[in-house]
Protein backbone atom coordinates (compact mmCIF):
# COMPACT_ATOMS: atom_id res chain seq x y z
CA MET A 1 5.45 -20.43 -4.85
CA HIS A 2 3.60 -22.55 -7.97
CA ALA A 3 3.19 -25.77 -8.42
CA PRO A 4 5.39 -26.38 -12.07
CA SER A 5 2.26 -26.94 -14.10
CA GLU A 6 0.56 -23.77 -12.70
CA LYS A 7 0.79 -20.34 -14.22
CA PRO A 8 1.61 -16.84 -11.88
CA GLN A 9 -0.97 -14.98 -10.92
CA PRO A 10 -0.72 -11.40 -12.56
CA CYS A 11 -0.57 -8.22 -10.42
CA TRP A 12 -4.28 -7.14 -10.63
CA SER A 13 -3.07 -3.29 -11.35
CA CYS A 14 -0.21 -3.47 -13.04
CA ARG A 15 -1.25 -6.63 -15.27
CA LYS A 16 2.91 -6.88 -15.97
CA ARG A 17 4.13 -8.87 -13.21
CA GLU A 18 3.37 -11.71 -10.74
CA ALA A 19 0.98 -11.36 -7.99
CA THR A 20 2.48 -11.61 -4.50
CA GLY A 21 0.57 -10.84 -1.88
CA THR A 22 -2.60 -8.85 -1.25
CA TYR A 23 -4.13 -5.89 -0.82
CA THR A 24 -8.19 -4.80 0.69
CA HIS A 25 -9.43 -2.38 0.25
CA ALA A 26 -13.86 -1.55 0.68
CA GLY A 27 -14.59 -5.09 1.14
CA ARG A 28 -12.21 -6.09 -1.69
CA THR A 29 -9.52 -8.45 -1.53
CA VAL A 30 -7.18 -8.71 -4.89
CA MET A 31 -3.06 -10.00 -5.97
CA VAL A 32 -1.04 -7.54 -6.68
CA CYS A 33 3.08 -7.40 -7.02
CA ALA A 34 5.58 -5.85 -3.91
CA THR A 35 5.60 -2.72 -6.13
CA CYS A 36 1.44 -2.62 -6.88
CA LEU A 37 1.06 -3.11 -2.95
CA ASP A 38 3.29 -0.08 -2.09
CA ARG A 39 2.17 2.13 -4.87
CA LEU A 40 -1.40 1.29 -2.97
CA GLU A 41 -0.48 1.22 0.51
CA VAL A 42 0.62 5.26 -0.09
CA GLN A 43 -2.20 5.91 -2.39
CA GLU A 44 -4.70 4.96 -0.04
CA ALA A 45 -2.97 6.23 3.26
CA PHE A 46 -3.10 10.21 1.28
CA GLU A 47 -6.61 9.65 0.25
CA TYR A 48 -7.24 8.78 3.75
CA LYS A 49 -5.20 11.14 5.45
CA GLY A 50 -3.78 13.52 3.53
CA LEU A 51 -3.84 16.27 6.16
CA ALA A 52 -2.25 14.42 8.45
CA ILE A 53 0.79 13.04 5.89
CA ASP A 54 0.97 16.92 4.58
CA LYS A 55 1.78 17.94 8.26
CA LEU A 56 4.70 15.33 8.95
CA VAL A 57 5.78 16.31 5.24
CA SER A 58 5.70 20.14 6.61
CA ARG A 59 7.85 18.87 9.65
CA ASP A 60 10.27 16.24 7.94
CA GLN A 61 8.89 13.80 8.94
CA TYR A 62 9.29 11.61 5.72
CA ASP A 63 9.73 8.39 8.01
CA GLU A 64 7.10 8.91 10.16
CA VAL A 65 4.68 9.26 6.55
CA GLY A 66 5.91 5.57 6.25
CA CYS A 67 3.99 4.48 9.10
CA ILE A 68 0.60 6.25 8.79
CA ARG A 69 -1.09 3.85 8.17
CA ARG A 70 -0.22 1.03 10.69
CA ARG A 71 -1.10 4.27 12.92
CA GLN A 72 -4.26 5.80 14.86
CA SER A 73 -2.67 9.20 14.69
CA PRO A 74 0.80 9.73 14.89
CA LEU A 75 0.42 13.53 14.99
CA ARG A 76 -0.56 13.46 18.80
CA SER A 77 1.18 15.58 20.85
């Protein structure tokens, strides 16, 4: 919440909405809105774990795709 005299910080990514959270990548932390945070986390997961995501999607395990960033290896058998 902002003090009445403070102007809300715009999202670093879209510059359209108010920044509500932080996103850190490669040692850099920026303030982003919730929509961009979701997009950036999915993009990062896809870039770094694209093969694992592809395997999950081919198995129709879409819920696991959303969790892949928080787990070491969702494909362990």
